[in-house]
Each structure stands twice: as structure tokens, then as C-alpha cells.
Amino acid sequence: MLVLGGTGEGREVAASLADSSDLDVVTSLAGRVRDPRWPEGEVRVGGFGGAEGLAEWLHENSIQAVLDVTHPFAARITANAHRAAAACSIPFAICRRPPWPQCDGDTWLPARDLDHAAELAPTLGRRPFLTIGRQGVSAFAGVHGVDFLIRSIDPPSGEMPESSTLILARGPFDVESEVALMQRHDIDVVVTKSSGGDQTYAKIVAARQLKLPVVMVVRPLAPTGARTFDSPDMAAQWLESVRGSEDG
């Protein structure tokens, strides 16, 4: 079984299956984070070479199913995995944490993608807090007249906005420190992705308390027809059931 990981949910799946004596699970990490949190069990690091390369690897390693537990915005990885599993005629499923719910007091402006978010941000403030991960920062490189505060785990790849301050930090974050950070840097708008989970939800609560608008980049759609779970336990049970059906 192949688990495409790199998330807390992926580590939960790996941990729940680590003691299984009749289920061989390999967790694959893309290798894009400099100091990743390692899951239990066998781990593979690095890319596969697109859908074709992944399909070849699945065949060579006699993989019986693929479970995608990557980040909700890892659309290219998900699409490649879906295509590769189909090419090999093996089951494929996705496990995604639920998106954050919008609550009373939230002022969210949905953005269809990062380019749209870059258009919206300067219309709402002059000191945006950009917290979208390192790979999407270059979408804001052409935004002028604002001073970004950027936070990511590793330094952003690609071009940076002309006026910006970079903070390298890894969650979880608490509400009190997020409020203090936004006040210290005079933040007037938050730009983020609809990632969900507990690790960085504090920034959403802090924005609510400070009555700041949030540009919320909506999630990409899952591949048509793909089975989806929002619980690591359910996803792990699915993998076990796939193995059971193969044995039967």
C-alpha cells in the first residue's frame, strides 16, 4: 500500500497501521520541506516523475492501493496519483481534513486561486499577513504599494514581493501569540488558504478577534469520481479493507 503523506493526517494513518502484521505500507514524502516530521513505518522521499513515473513505480513494487493524504492544495500530486492508480487498475482514495467553517464575526473574501488573492489583498489593506506556504509567495511578487508580512516553514521559492518581512516558523500557533504578532506588525488583512486543521487555526481566530478581513483561497476540487475521507481512521480502515478484499 502507498500512502502519499507529508501531513499530520498522513502520520496518523501511518501510525495506526504501523503494527499491522499483514499490511505493508510505504509513506511517500515529496521532500519539499527541509526538516519534515517523519511518520512511523517505511518512508520514501522524493518525486516519482509525474503520473507515468508513479504508475511505473506502483507496478514495480506491486502496490495494491494508493491513499492520498497530502495537503489539500497539493492538486498536482493528487491528479498524478489518481491517473497513475487508474492506469494500474488499483483502488485510489483521498483523505482530506475538513476545511475551516466560517463563524459569526468572520469576514472572509473567497479567492479562486493565489493570483486572485494577489488582486484582492491590496484592495483591503496596506499590511497583509501572507500565510500560504512557501511555494505560492511568487504569485504576490507583482503586488506594489503594500508591505507584506510573510510566514512559512522554509524560505519561499521563487520571487518575493518587493516590500516584505519574512518569518520562518512552524505551527501549532496559539491565539494569544497570533493576536500579538498581528498587532505588532500592524496587520490589516490576512491572506491564507482553506487548509483546515488545528495547526494554524489560531490565525483565523485572531483575525476574528481583531475584526480583520481574511482573503481565503478556496480548495481545488478532487478528481472526479475519487473516493474521499475526512477522517484518518476511516482512511486507514479503507486500506485494510482493500487488503482484505484482495486476500478474499
Foldseek 3Di string as FASTA:
>chain_A
DEEADQDPLSLVLLVVCLPPPQDQYEYEYQCPFPDTDDHPHHYHYHDQPFLVSVLVVCVVVVPQEYEYEYFLAPQRVLVSVVSSCVVVVHAYAYAAADFDDDDPLAAEDEAQDLLSVLVVVVVFDQEEEEEAEQASQQSNQPRPRHAYEYEYQDHHPDHHHPHYHYDHDWWQDALVVLLVVCVVRVHQEYEYERRDDRTDCSNRVSCSVVSHHYHYYYGDDRPPPHHYHHHSVVVSVVSVVSSVVVVD
